[in-house]
Amino acid sequence: MNRADAIKHFKGITPLAKALGITYEAVRQWGEEIPELRQYQLELVTNGELKAGKKQSAS
């Protein structure tokens, strides 16, 4: 899953960081691809709306 899709899903970096219990700066340090363990955490907190290991969109 890529960072842009997660940010879009949560409507911003701040809400994304809050959902994961991490800082805004931690999210900003990710590359285009979200670290693997964070992907699984996001899959859990979104009830599967975002899927770990999948490319969501090409936008």
C-alpha atoms as a PDB file:
ATOM      1  CA  MET A   1       0.000   0.000   0.000  1.00  0.00           C
ATOM      2  CA  ASN A   2       1.315   3.415  -0.736  1.00  0.00           C
ATOM      3  CA  ARG A   3       1.407   6.452   1.497  1.00  0.00           C
ATOM      4  CA  ALA A   4      -0.729   8.627  -0.792  1.00  0.00           C
ATOM      5  CA  ASP A   5      -3.643   6.167  -0.635  1.00  0.00           C
ATOM      6  CA  ALA A   6      -3.525   6.001   3.163  1.00  0.00           C
ATOM      7  CA  ILE A   7      -3.389   9.802   3.441  1.00  0.00           C
ATOM      8  CA  LYS A   8      -6.324  10.084   1.043  1.00  0.00           C
ATOM      9  CA  HIS A   9      -8.314   7.504   3.030  1.00  0.00           C
ATOM     10  CA  PHE A  10      -7.795   9.378   6.305  1.00  0.00           C
ATOM     11  CA  LYS A  11      -8.113  12.813   4.645  1.00  0.00           C
ATOM     12  CA  GLY A  12      -4.707  13.999   5.796  1.00  0.00           C
ATOM     13  CA  ILE A  13      -1.437  13.110   7.447  1.00  0.00           C
ATOM     14  CA  THR A  14      -2.522  14.227  10.921  1.00  0.00           C
ATOM     15  CA  PRO A  15      -5.598  11.930  11.104  1.00  0.00           C
ATOM     16  CA  LEU A  16      -3.539   9.058   9.650  1.00  0.00           C
ATOM     17  CA  ALA A  17      -0.843   9.521  12.284  1.00  0.00           C
ATOM     18  CA  LYS A  18      -3.461   9.763  15.037  1.00  0.00           C
ATOM     19  CA  ALA A  19      -5.128   6.523  13.883  1.00  0.00           C
ATOM     20  CA  LEU A  20      -1.784   4.738  14.216  1.00  0.00           C
ATOM     21  CA  GLY A  21      -0.729   6.438  17.453  1.00  0.00           C
ATOM     22  CA  ILE A  22       2.376   7.919  15.850  1.00  0.00           C
ATOM     23  CA  THR A  23       3.590  11.423  15.034  1.00  0.00           C
ATOM     24  CA  TYR A  24       2.983  13.469  11.914  1.00  0.00           C
ATOM     25  CA  GLU A  25       6.739  13.470  11.302  1.00  0.00           C
ATOM     26  CA  ALA A  26       6.887   9.667  11.465  1.00  0.00           C
ATOM     27  CA  VAL A  27       4.370   9.469   8.616  1.00  0.00           C
ATOM     28  CA  ARG A  28       6.292  12.074   6.629  1.00  0.00           C
ATOM     29  CA  GLN A  29       9.451   9.956   6.880  1.00  0.00           C
ATOM     30  CA  TRP A  30       7.856   7.027   5.066  1.00  0.00           C
ATOM     31  CA  GLY A  31       8.809   6.627   1.458  1.00  0.00           C
ATOM     32  CA  GLU A  32       6.171   6.093  -1.203  1.00  0.00           C
ATOM     33  CA  GLU A  33       5.535   2.603   0.190  1.00  0.00           C
ATOM     34  CA  ILE A  34       4.322   2.295   3.802  1.00  0.00           C
ATOM     35  CA  PRO A  35       6.486   0.060   6.051  1.00  0.00           C
ATOM     36  CA  GLU A  36       5.106  -3.476   6.099  1.00  0.00           C
ATOM     37  CA  LEU A  37       4.079  -3.653   9.760  1.00  0.00           C
ATOM     38  CA  ARG A  38       2.296  -0.291   9.474  1.00  0.00           C
ATOM     39  CA  GLN A  39       0.413  -1.659   6.476  1.00  0.00           C
ATOM     40  CA  TYR A  40      -0.973  -4.494   8.588  1.00  0.00           C
ATOM     41  CA  GLN A  41      -1.856  -2.035  11.345  1.00  0.00           C
ATOM     42  CA  LEU A  42      -3.713   0.123   8.814  1.00  0.00           C
ATOM     43  CA  GLU A  43      -5.571  -2.914   7.497  1.00  0.00           C
ATOM     44  CA  LEU A  44      -6.784  -3.568  11.042  1.00  0.00           C
ATOM     45  CA  VAL A  45      -7.781   0.009  11.880  1.00  0.00           C
ATOM     46  CA  THR A  46      -9.656   0.407   8.573  1.00  0.00           C
ATOM     47  CA  ASN A  47     -11.440  -2.951   8.926  1.00  0.00           C
ATOM     48  CA  GLY A  48      -9.868  -4.094   5.670  1.00  0.00           C
ATOM     49  CA  GLU A  49     -10.655  -1.011   3.588  1.00  0.00           C
ATOM     50  CA  LEU A  50      -6.908  -0.653   3.040  1.00  0.00           C
ATOM     51  CA  LYS A  51      -5.115  -3.924   2.326  1.00  0.00           C
ATOM     52  CA  ALA A  52      -1.548  -4.703   3.353  1.00  0.00           C
ATOM     53  CA  GLY A  53       0.735  -5.552   0.483  1.00  0.00           C
ATOM     54  CA  LYS A  54      -1.596  -4.257  -2.221  1.00  0.00           C
ATOM     55  CA  LYS A  55      -1.200  -1.322  -4.527  1.00  0.00           C
ATOM     56  CA  GLN A  56      -4.440   0.600  -4.054  1.00  0.00           C
ATOM     57  CA  SER A  57      -4.492   2.987  -7.003  1.00  0.00           C
ATOM     58  CA  ALA A  58      -2.247   4.602  -9.522  1.00  0.00           C
ATOM     59  CA  SER A  59      -3.297   8.174  -8.712  1.00  0.00           C
END
